Protein backbone atom coordinates (compact mmCIF):
# COMPACT_ATOMS: atom_id res chain seq x y z
CA MET A 1 -52.99 37.08 -44.77
CA LYS A 2 -50.78 39.98 -43.97
CA ALA A 3 -47.16 39.22 -44.61
CA ARG A 4 -46.24 41.50 -41.74
CA SER A 5 -48.01 39.36 -39.14
CA ALA A 6 -46.30 36.20 -40.42
CA ILE A 7 -42.90 37.90 -40.37
CA VAL A 8 -43.44 39.29 -36.87
CA TYR A 9 -44.48 35.88 -35.57
CA SER A 10 -41.51 34.17 -37.22
CA VAL A 11 -39.03 36.70 -35.85
CA LEU A 12 -40.48 36.43 -32.35
CA ARG A 13 -40.27 32.62 -32.48
CA LEU A 14 -36.64 32.81 -33.59
CA LEU A 15 -35.85 35.22 -30.78
CA ALA A 16 -37.57 32.93 -28.29
CA PHE A 17 -35.03 30.27 -29.32
CA LEU A 18 -31.91 32.34 -29.96
CA VAL A 19 -31.92 34.41 -26.76
CA PRO A 20 -31.96 31.41 -24.37
CA PHE A 21 -29.47 29.60 -26.61
CA GLY A 22 -27.13 32.59 -26.54
CA ILE A 23 -27.38 32.89 -22.77
CA MET A 24 -26.68 29.20 -22.27
CA MET A 25 -23.69 29.37 -24.59
CA LEU A 26 -22.11 31.86 -22.17
CA PHE A 27 -21.61 29.05 -19.65
CA PRO A 28 -18.50 26.90 -20.24
CA ILE A 29 -20.26 23.59 -19.59
CA MET A 30 -22.97 24.40 -22.10
CA ARG A 31 -20.38 25.29 -24.76
CA GLU A 32 -19.06 21.76 -24.45
CA TYR A 33 -22.54 20.25 -24.77
CA TYR A 34 -23.96 22.61 -27.40
CA TRP A 35 -26.56 20.05 -28.46
CA LEU A 36 -27.95 20.06 -24.92
CA SER A 37 -28.12 23.85 -25.04
CA ALA A 38 -30.06 23.61 -28.30
CA ILE A 39 -32.54 21.17 -26.79
CA PHE A 40 -33.07 23.33 -23.70
CA ALA A 41 -33.38 26.47 -25.82
CA ALA A 42 -35.98 24.76 -28.02
CA LEU A 43 -38.01 23.75 -24.98
CA ILE A 44 -37.74 27.22 -23.47
CA GLY A 45 -38.66 28.82 -26.81
CA LEU A 46 -41.66 26.55 -27.20
CA SER A 47 -42.84 27.41 -23.70
CA LEU A 48 -42.37 31.13 -24.22
CA SER A 49 -44.19 31.08 -27.53
CA MET A 50 -47.12 29.17 -26.08
CA LEU A 51 -47.39 31.64 -23.21
CA PHE A 52 -46.71 34.97 -24.87
CA LEU A 53 -47.21 34.62 -28.62
CA ARG A 54 -50.82 33.51 -28.74
CA LYS A 55 -52.05 36.80 -30.29
CA PRO A 56 -49.53 36.84 -33.18
CA LEU A 57 -50.28 33.16 -33.85
CA ASP A 58 -54.01 33.91 -33.95
CA ASP A 59 -53.38 36.75 -36.43
CA VAL A 60 -51.38 34.48 -38.73
CA THR A 61 -53.83 31.58 -38.61
CA THR A 62 -56.82 33.88 -39.14
CA GLY A 63 -55.13 35.35 -42.19
CA LEU A 64 -54.41 31.89 -43.57
CA ALA A 65 -58.01 30.79 -43.00
CA ASP A 66 -59.37 33.91 -44.74
CA ARG A 67 -57.07 33.37 -47.70
CA ARG A 68 -58.12 29.74 -47.98
CA ALA A 69 -61.82 30.66 -47.80
CA LYS A 70 -61.35 33.22 -50.59
CA SER A 71 -59.63 30.68 -52.82
CA ARG A 72 -62.40 28.15 -52.21
CA ALA A 73 -65.03 30.77 -53.01
CA ALA A 74 -63.26 31.59 -56.27
CA ALA A 75 -63.06 27.90 -57.14
CA SER A 76 -66.76 27.42 -56.42
CA ASP A 77 -67.59 30.40 -58.66
CA GLU A 78 -65.65 28.81 -61.50
CA GLU A 79 -67.46 25.51 -60.95
CA ALA A 80 -70.82 27.29 -60.97
CA GLU A 81 -69.98 29.01 -64.25
CA ASP A 82 -68.90 25.70 -65.78
CA ALA A 83 -72.11 24.03 -64.62
CA ALA A 84 -74.20 26.86 -66.08
CA ALA A 85 -72.34 26.60 -69.38
CA ASP A 86 -72.88 22.84 -69.46
CA ALA A 87 -76.57 23.27 -68.69
CA ALA A 88 -76.89 25.75 -71.53
CA GLY A 89 -75.33 23.21 -73.86
CA THR A 90 -72.18 25.14 -74.64
CA ASP A 91 -68.58 24.15 -74.14
CA SER A 92 -67.49 27.68 -73.34
CA PRO A 93 -69.43 30.88 -72.70
CA GLU A 94 -67.61 32.75 -75.51
CA ALA A 95 -68.34 30.40 -78.43
CA PRO A 96 -71.83 28.87 -78.80
CA LYS A 97 -72.15 25.48 -80.52
CA ALA A 98 -73.34 25.43 -84.09
């Protein structure tokens, strides 16, 4: 996974929340009910991210899936080596049993 794609997606999600929140805080009634502004900004940010941030989300999730597949492949290689060592009758490949 590229760290850049995760950072870009995170920054864009934060902006999708902070910009509407900042605009709503300009209105006097919304300053009084800041919690309502936060709820509306969260809903607006969620909607914007679902509509416009599909590509960055796909990049991040693809990177995570690739990284997970590589770690599983490495784990399966280690298991295969252990099974081969057990089949050969040794505890470790470096030191044969006497």
